[in-house]
Amino acid sequence: MKRSIILLPLICGLMMACTADSEKQHEGSQFPIELDKNPITDLLYDLEKNGEGGITWNFEGGEYLKSKVTYYDAHFYEKPGKVQSPSEKKRTEMERIRNAFDRASEEGIKSYHTEQHLNGIDTVLYAVALKELSGEKSSLRNDFESNNIKYYNLQYDAAQVATLRFNSSPSIYDLRVEYVTKIPTGKPRKPFTLNILKGELEKYVKMDSVKTYNVHYKYTDEEIRRSDSMRVQSIAEHWGERRQNVETRTWDGETRGHLYVVSPSLANLVGKGMKQKVMSYCLGIQANESYDLNMYGNLSDSDGKESGPINWGLSVRSRTYRWDEPYEVMHITYHPFDGRLFILVIDQIDGAYALPGNWEYCISAVDGKRTYIPGTPVEMTR
């Protein structure tokens, strides 16, 4: 029986009926949605359980609900001058991935595959269009090459797409598998708002175990360019129209909002509640709102008392930064080394939007001076 994509009960009616056999087959999976069955999704479930790399999720709302799951395993070798090769486990994993893409290429409607092995540098690229939307063209975007390493923009505009990029050299190991699906929401695009999610957050902020702080970050173009302590998140769309040259574009800006810090005793409860609300809202009846949702890691089922995730987080924001629409942003992250959950809600942005790299602990970054919340680990203030 072919499985249908299961997002959430709210969206099942929008797409197709949920099936019980798929849930049983992948019992224990931490994937936020159930994937349709094909060689690539079978591979991703296997990599989730047995792979050495990590997995991230991205969702985009609008006229189409777009989901992307990425498996990645990337690192620099400690001794780049020495000829090194991937471990036996990584070679075996790569062989499984190749086999899955070969099978998907046979089943797909269009595919692309190229390899290059030269002077100790190995490159493997695949792109497979598995299913088209009505009236949609499957056209391959060009890849490009830099320093003998091939990078890619291998992306079909189709309903189901899988891509593989692998680069290995004496200095790097970079493996990425992406799977993208697009589903019509049946509604016109509309601006994204945080009102429902803020309402959910209000249920928790009144608890004694939740501390609230006003945040204020002010930064100059010079500060952004000379240091990575402030990270630009987005820049107004109309700036890009007026300033085509990135080098002449200014990064001056100011951001204000509220930071909510949840104690370890409630971190999992609040994290699960907020995650569930974000998913039901963004993948449910408001899937046509123009948002961008990114997720990584998994919440622990142990309420912080036993082994949990390395870290977990999500960010949801308006997909475009326009002056004629509100730019809504919420970040949620959990740090296991102190067991607290951090939720940042942005209230106002003037100019470019940027955050400190350690925004979870920093409540003020103005004129080069920083203020941190009580109990901030010393290593997070450097």
Protein backbone atom coordinates (compact mmCIF):
# COMPACT_ATOMS: atom_id res chain seq x y z
CA MET A 1 0.00 0.00 0.00
CA LYS A 2 1.48 3.33 -0.98
CA ARG A 3 1.86 5.68 1.96
CA SER A 4 0.64 9.26 1.86
CA ILE A 5 2.50 12.21 3.32
CA ILE A 6 1.38 12.84 6.89
CA LEU A 7 1.99 16.33 8.18
CA LEU A 8 -0.45 16.74 11.06
CA PRO A 9 -4.11 15.90 11.64
CA LEU A 10 -5.06 19.45 10.64
CA ILE A 11 -3.44 19.15 7.24
CA CYS A 12 -4.33 15.55 6.48
CA GLY A 13 -7.67 16.71 5.14
CA LEU A 14 -5.90 19.22 2.93
CA MET A 15 -3.80 16.56 1.25
CA MET A 16 -4.78 12.91 1.73
CA ALA A 17 -5.73 10.44 4.41
CA CYS A 18 -3.18 9.43 7.05
CA THR A 19 -2.20 5.76 7.00
CA ALA A 20 -1.53 3.62 10.04
CA ASP A 21 0.93 1.19 8.43
CA SER A 22 3.47 3.95 7.70
CA GLU A 23 3.43 5.04 11.33
CA LYS A 24 4.14 1.48 12.49
CA GLN A 25 6.92 1.03 9.95
CA HIS A 26 8.83 4.08 11.24
CA GLU A 27 7.92 3.86 14.89
CA GLY A 28 10.56 5.68 16.92
CA SER A 29 11.45 8.11 14.14
CA GLN A 30 11.82 11.73 15.26
CA PHE A 31 10.87 13.12 11.83
CA PRO A 32 8.20 15.84 12.28
CA ILE A 33 6.24 14.59 9.26
CA GLU A 34 5.74 11.21 7.60
CA LEU A 35 7.43 10.97 4.20
CA ASP A 36 5.97 9.35 1.11
CA LYS A 37 7.63 6.01 0.32
CA ASN A 38 10.40 5.90 -2.31
CA PRO A 39 14.11 4.92 -2.36
CA ILE A 40 15.23 8.31 -1.02
CA THR A 41 12.83 8.46 1.92
CA ASP A 42 13.72 4.88 2.86
CA LEU A 43 17.34 6.04 2.80
CA LEU A 44 16.62 9.06 5.02
CA TYR A 45 14.86 6.95 7.66
CA ASP A 46 17.88 4.64 7.64
CA LEU A 47 20.32 7.56 7.94
CA GLU A 48 18.30 9.00 10.82
CA LYS A 49 18.80 5.75 12.71
CA ASN A 50 22.28 4.66 11.60
CA GLY A 51 24.02 7.66 10.00
CA GLU A 52 26.94 9.57 11.53
CA GLY A 53 25.66 12.94 10.38
CA GLY A 54 22.84 15.27 11.44
CA ILE A 55 19.39 16.10 10.06
CA THR A 56 17.66 19.46 9.65
CA TRP A 57 14.18 20.37 8.42
CA ASN A 58 12.93 23.42 6.57
CA PHE A 59 9.32 24.33 5.72
CA GLU A 60 8.03 27.22 3.60
CA GLY A 61 4.43 28.34 3.49
CA GLY A 62 2.49 30.09 0.74
CA GLU A 63 0.48 28.88 -2.22
CA TYR A 64 2.58 25.72 -1.94
CA LEU A 65 3.69 24.08 1.28
CA LYS A 66 7.33 23.17 0.72
CA SER A 67 9.26 20.82 3.01
CA LYS A 68 12.96 19.99 2.85
CA VAL A 69 14.86 17.44 4.91
CA THR A 70 18.66 17.56 4.79
CA TYR A 71 21.10 14.92 5.96
CA TYR A 72 24.62 16.33 6.33
CA ASP A 73 27.98 15.05 7.44
CA ALA A 74 30.69 17.67 6.98
CA HIS A 75 34.00 18.42 8.67
CA PHE A 76 37.56 19.58 8.08
CA TYR A 77 40.40 17.16 8.64
CA GLU A 78 42.74 18.09 11.48
CA LYS A 79 45.87 17.61 9.35
CA PRO A 80 44.94 18.96 5.91
CA GLY A 81 48.44 18.41 4.51
CA LYS A 82 48.23 14.66 5.08
CA VAL A 83 46.45 12.44 2.57
CA GLN A 84 43.39 11.06 4.37
CA SER A 85 40.42 9.00 3.34
CA PRO A 86 36.93 8.45 4.79
CA SER A 87 36.48 5.69 7.37
CA GLU A 88 35.09 2.29 6.42
CA LYS A 89 31.74 3.22 7.97
CA LYS A 90 31.54 6.39 5.89
CA ARG A 91 32.45 4.48 2.71
CA THR A 92 29.73 1.92 3.45
CA GLU A 93 27.23 4.74 4.10
CA MET A 94 28.16 6.44 0.83
CA GLU A 95 27.60 3.17 -1.03
CA ARG A 96 24.08 2.89 0.46
CA ILE A 97 23.38 6.46 -0.58
CA ARG A 98 24.62 5.85 -4.13
CA ASN A 99 22.44 2.75 -4.45
CA ALA A 100 19.37 4.65 -3.27
CA PHE A 101 19.95 7.45 -5.80
CA ASP A 102 20.54 4.94 -8.60
CA ARG A 103 17.20 3.27 -7.82
CA ALA A 104 15.47 6.66 -7.55
CA SER A 105 16.93 7.68 -10.92
CA GLU A 106 15.34 4.62 -12.51
CA GLU A 107 11.94 5.46 -10.99
CA GLY A 108 12.07 9.25 -11.44
CA ILE A 109 10.83 11.36 -14.31
CA LYS A 110 14.19 13.09 -14.83
CA SER A 111 17.65 12.69 -13.33
CA TYR A 112 21.19 14.07 -13.48
CA HIS A 113 24.42 12.40 -12.34
CA THR A 114 28.04 13.45 -12.69
CA GLU A 115 31.30 12.51 -10.98
CA GLN A 116 34.85 13.78 -10.94
CA HIS A 117 37.86 12.06 -9.34
CA LEU A 118 41.06 14.03 -9.82
CA ASN A 119 44.23 14.66 -7.78
CA GLY A 120 42.77 13.35 -4.53
CA ILE A 121 39.53 15.30 -4.89
CA ASP A 122 36.30 13.33 -5.30
CA THR A 123 33.00 14.89 -6.35
CA VAL A 124 29.67 13.12 -6.79
CA LEU A 125 26.48 14.94 -7.80
CA TYR A 126 22.96 13.58 -8.27
CA ALA A 127 19.60 15.27 -8.86
CA VAL A 128 16.38 13.32 -9.30
CA ALA A 129 12.88 14.64 -10.00
CA LEU A 130 10.50 12.00 -8.65
CA LYS A 131 7.15 13.69 -9.26
CA GLU A 132 5.91 16.81 -11.05
CA LEU A 133 3.14 19.20 -10.16
CA SER A 134 0.54 19.87 -12.82
CA GLY A 135 2.00 22.25 -15.39
CA GLU A 136 5.37 22.37 -13.67
CA LYS A 137 8.61 22.02 -15.61
CA SER A 138 11.54 19.97 -14.37
CA SER A 139 14.46 22.13 -15.40
CA LEU A 140 17.92 21.62 -13.93
CA ARG A 141 19.76 24.64 -12.57
CA ASN A 142 23.48 24.84 -13.26
CA ASP A 143 26.20 23.75 -10.88
CA PHE A 144 29.49 25.62 -10.55
CA GLU A 145 33.12 24.85 -9.74
CA SER A 146 35.60 26.52 -7.37
CA ASN A 147 39.15 25.40 -6.55
CA ASN A 148 38.56 22.07 -8.31
CA ILE A 149 35.64 21.29 -6.00
CA LYS A 150 32.20 21.20 -7.57
CA TYR A 151 29.43 22.93 -5.66
CA TYR A 152 25.89 22.71 -6.83
CA ASN A 153 22.57 24.34 -7.35
CA LEU A 154 21.05 21.07 -8.48
CA GLN A 155 17.37 21.69 -7.88
CA TYR A 156 14.44 20.68 -9.99
CA ASP A 157 11.26 22.73 -9.75
CA ALA A 158 9.08 19.72 -9.12
CA ALA A 159 6.75 18.20 -6.55
CA GLN A 160 9.32 15.69 -5.25
CA VAL A 161 13.06 16.20 -5.68
CA ALA A 162 16.17 14.56 -4.24
CA THR A 163 19.75 15.81 -4.53
CA LEU A 164 23.11 14.46 -3.42
CA ARG A 165 26.34 16.44 -3.15
CA PHE A 166 29.54 14.78 -2.05
CA ASN A 167 32.99 16.39 -1.95
CA SER A 168 36.05 14.78 -0.41
CA SER A 169 39.62 16.07 -0.45
CA PRO A 170 42.70 15.96 1.81
CA SER A 171 41.18 18.85 3.79
CA ILE A 172 37.38 18.35 3.81
CA TYR A 173 34.62 15.76 3.90
CA ASP A 174 31.25 17.15 2.81
CA LEU A 175 28.20 14.96 2.25
CA ARG A 176 24.67 16.33 1.85
CA VAL A 177 21.42 14.62 0.88
CA GLU A 178 18.31 16.76 0.38
CA TYR A 179 14.72 15.75 -0.22
CA VAL A 180 12.15 18.40 -1.14
CA THR A 181 8.38 18.09 -1.54
CA LYS A 182 5.80 20.68 -2.61
CA ILE A 183 2.05 20.43 -2.02
CA PRO A 184 -0.58 22.99 -3.12
CA THR A 185 -2.33 24.53 -0.09
CA GLY A 186 -5.34 25.55 -2.15
CA LYS A 187 -5.22 29.09 -0.77
CA PRO A 188 -3.57 32.35 -1.89
CA ARG A 189 -0.42 33.46 -0.10
CA LYS A 190 -0.85 35.86 2.82
CA PRO A 191 1.59 37.54 5.27
CA PHE A 192 2.81 35.51 8.24
CA THR A 193 1.89 36.57 11.77
CA LEU A 194 2.98 35.30 15.18
CA ASN A 195 -0.29 36.12 16.95
CA ILE A 196 -1.39 32.50 17.53
CA LEU A 197 2.11 31.44 18.62
CA LYS A 198 2.43 34.41 20.96
CA GLY A 199 -0.91 33.40 22.46
CA GLU A 200 0.47 29.92 23.14
CA LEU A 201 3.61 31.43 24.68
CA GLU A 202 1.50 33.54 27.04
CA LYS A 203 0.31 30.31 28.70
CA TYR A 204 3.85 29.73 29.96
CA VAL A 205 5.43 33.14 30.56
CA LYS A 206 3.39 33.73 33.74
CA MET A 207 4.93 30.68 35.41
CA ASP A 208 7.54 31.29 38.12
CA SER A 209 10.05 29.12 36.25
CA VAL A 210 10.02 31.44 33.22
CA LYS A 211 12.04 34.67 33.28
CA THR A 212 11.37 37.50 30.84
CA TYR A 213 13.98 40.01 29.61
CA ASN A 214 13.81 42.97 27.24
CA VAL A 215 16.46 42.67 24.53
CA HIS A 216 18.12 45.44 22.55
CA TYR A 217 20.78 44.99 19.86
CA LYS A 218 22.22 47.94 17.95
CA TYR A 219 24.97 47.45 15.39
CA THR A 220 26.84 49.32 12.70
CA ASP A 221 27.98 48.24 9.28
CA GLU A 222 31.60 48.33 10.53
CA GLU A 223 30.84 46.04 13.48
CA ILE A 224 29.08 43.51 11.26
CA ARG A 225 31.95 43.40 8.76
CA ARG A 226 34.85 43.18 11.21
CA SER A 227 33.48 40.53 13.56
CA ASP A 228 31.28 37.45 13.52
CA SER A 229 29.89 38.23 16.98
CA MET A 230 26.84 39.81 15.30
CA ARG A 231 25.21 37.67 12.62
CA VAL A 232 23.02 39.23 9.96
CA GLN A 233 19.73 37.35 9.69
CA SER A 234 18.00 39.33 6.96
CA ILE A 235 18.01 42.61 5.11
CA ALA A 236 15.09 44.61 3.77
CA GLU A 237 13.98 43.57 0.30
CA HIS A 238 13.90 47.10 -1.08
CA TRP A 239 17.55 47.60 -0.10
CA GLY A 240 18.47 44.78 -2.45
CA GLU A 241 16.64 46.54 -5.26
CA ARG A 242 18.45 49.85 -4.69
CA ARG A 243 21.87 48.39 -3.84
CA GLN A 244 22.76 45.61 -6.24
CA ASN A 245 26.39 45.52 -5.10
CA VAL A 246 26.65 43.72 -1.74
CA GLU A 247 29.91 45.50 -0.96
CA THR A 248 28.17 48.90 -0.95
CA ARG A 249 25.13 47.73 1.01
CA THR A 250 24.94 48.92 4.61
CA TRP A 251 24.30 46.56 7.51
CA ASP A 252 23.41 49.25 10.05
CA GLY A 253 20.44 48.25 12.15
CA GLU A 254 18.66 47.92 15.47
CA THR A 255 16.60 45.03 16.86
CA ARG A 256 14.34 44.92 19.92
CA GLY A 257 12.32 42.09 21.44
CA HIS A 258 11.79 39.81 24.43
CA LEU A 259 13.81 36.82 25.62
CA TYR A 260 12.04 34.14 27.67
CA VAL A 261 14.26 31.77 29.66
CA VAL A 262 12.64 28.58 30.91
CA SER A 263 14.19 26.68 33.84
CA PRO A 264 15.28 23.02 33.42
CA SER A 265 12.26 21.79 35.36
CA LEU A 266 9.87 23.06 32.66
CA ALA A 267 12.14 23.19 29.60
CA ASN A 268 10.85 20.01 27.98
CA LEU A 269 7.19 20.74 28.78
CA VAL A 270 7.32 24.23 27.30
CA GLY A 271 9.51 23.13 24.39
CA LYS A 272 7.14 20.36 23.39
CA GLY A 273 4.09 22.60 23.77
CA MET A 274 5.58 25.35 21.62
CA LYS A 275 6.89 22.94 19.00
CA GLN A 276 3.50 21.25 18.70
CA LYS A 277 1.77 24.63 18.31
CA VAL A 278 4.27 25.81 15.69
CA MET A 279 3.83 22.62 13.69
CA SER A 280 0.03 22.58 13.89
CA TYR A 281 -0.12 26.26 12.91
CA CYS A 282 2.46 26.33 10.13
CA LEU A 283 1.61 22.94 8.60
CA GLY A 284 -2.11 23.17 9.29
CA ILE A 285 -4.81 25.64 8.38
CA GLN A 286 -2.30 28.52 8.09
CA ALA A 287 0.07 26.69 5.73
CA ASN A 288 -0.53 29.40 3.11
CA GLU A 289 1.08 32.10 5.24
CA SER A 290 4.44 33.21 3.89
CA TYR A 291 6.79 31.81 6.55
CA ASP A 292 10.13 30.03 6.75
CA LEU A 293 10.48 27.37 9.47
CA ASN A 294 13.80 25.70 10.30
CA MET A 295 14.24 22.85 12.77
CA TYR A 296 17.20 20.82 14.02
CA GLY A 297 17.77 18.19 16.72
CA ASN A 298 15.08 16.36 18.68
CA LEU A 299 13.32 16.99 21.95
CA SER A 300 14.01 14.47 24.68
CA ASP A 301 11.17 12.28 25.95
CA SER A 302 12.81 12.11 29.35
CA ASP A 303 11.87 15.61 30.61
CA GLY A 304 15.55 16.36 31.10
CA LYS A 305 16.06 13.66 33.76
CA GLU A 306 17.90 11.20 31.51
CA SER A 307 19.88 11.37 28.30
CA GLY A 308 18.49 13.95 25.92
CA PRO A 309 19.48 15.58 22.65
CA ILE A 310 22.77 17.35 21.97
CA ASN A 311 20.64 20.41 21.34
CA TRP A 312 17.30 21.23 19.77
CA GLY A 313 15.82 24.30 18.20
CA LEU A 314 13.59 25.95 15.66
CA SER A 315 13.16 29.37 14.13
CA VAL A 316 10.09 30.64 12.34
CA ARG A 317 9.95 33.93 10.51
CA SER A 318 8.32 35.82 7.67
CA ARG A 319 9.74 34.61 4.39
CA THR A 320 10.47 38.09 3.06
CA TYR A 321 11.58 41.26 4.81
CA ARG A 322 9.36 43.98 3.32
CA TRP A 323 8.48 47.41 4.59
CA ASP A 324 4.82 47.00 3.61
CA GLU A 325 4.39 43.81 5.69
CA PRO A 326 5.31 43.02 9.31
CA TYR A 327 8.48 40.94 9.68
CA GLU A 328 7.68 38.37 12.36
CA VAL A 329 10.41 36.26 14.03
CA MET A 330 10.53 33.67 16.84
CA HIS A 331 13.55 31.54 17.82
CA ILE A 332 13.42 28.59 20.22
CA THR A 333 16.45 26.60 21.34
CA TYR A 334 17.38 24.17 24.10
CA HIS A 335 20.92 23.79 25.51
CA PRO A 336 21.52 20.52 27.37
CA PHE A 337 24.64 21.72 29.21
CA ASP A 338 22.50 23.97 31.42
CA GLY A 339 19.10 22.42 30.70
CA ARG A 340 17.30 25.68 29.95
CA LEU A 341 15.01 26.56 27.05
CA PHE A 342 15.36 29.96 25.35
CA ILE A 343 12.62 31.68 23.34
CA LEU A 344 13.31 34.95 21.53
CA VAL A 345 10.46 37.00 20.04
CA ILE A 346 11.46 39.96 17.87
CA ASP A 347 9.18 42.99 18.26
CA GLN A 348 10.87 45.67 16.17
CA ILE A 349 13.57 45.85 13.48
CA ASP A 350 15.04 49.02 12.00
CA GLY A 351 17.41 48.52 9.07
CA ALA A 352 19.23 45.21 8.77
CA TYR A 353 18.19 42.44 11.14
CA ALA A 354 21.04 40.88 13.13
CA LEU A 355 21.52 38.90 16.34
CA PRO A 356 24.49 38.19 18.61
CA GLY A 357 25.93 34.72 18.04
CA ASN A 358 25.07 33.98 21.70
CA TRP A 359 21.61 35.58 21.65
CA GLU A 360 20.33 32.95 24.11
CA TYR A 361 22.29 34.69 26.88
CA CYS A 362 22.82 38.23 25.57
CA ILE A 363 20.05 40.75 26.33
CA SER A 364 21.91 43.90 25.25
CA ALA A 365 24.57 44.59 22.63
CA VAL A 366 24.89 48.33 22.11
CA ASP A 367 28.01 50.43 21.36
CA GLY A 368 30.28 47.43 21.82
CA LYS A 369 29.02 46.71 25.35
CA ARG A 370 27.14 43.53 26.21
CA THR A 371 24.86 42.51 29.06
CA TYR A 372 24.06 38.87 29.83
CA ILE A 373 21.34 37.11 31.79
CA PRO A 374 22.16 35.80 35.29
CA GLY A 375 23.80 32.38 35.26
CA THR A 376 25.39 32.76 31.83
CA PRO A 377 28.28 30.28 31.40
CA VAL A 378 31.63 32.07 31.09
CA GLU A 379 32.33 30.44 27.72
CA MET A 380 29.17 32.05 26.31
CA THR A 381 30.42 35.58 27.05
CA ARG A 382 33.55 35.38 24.90
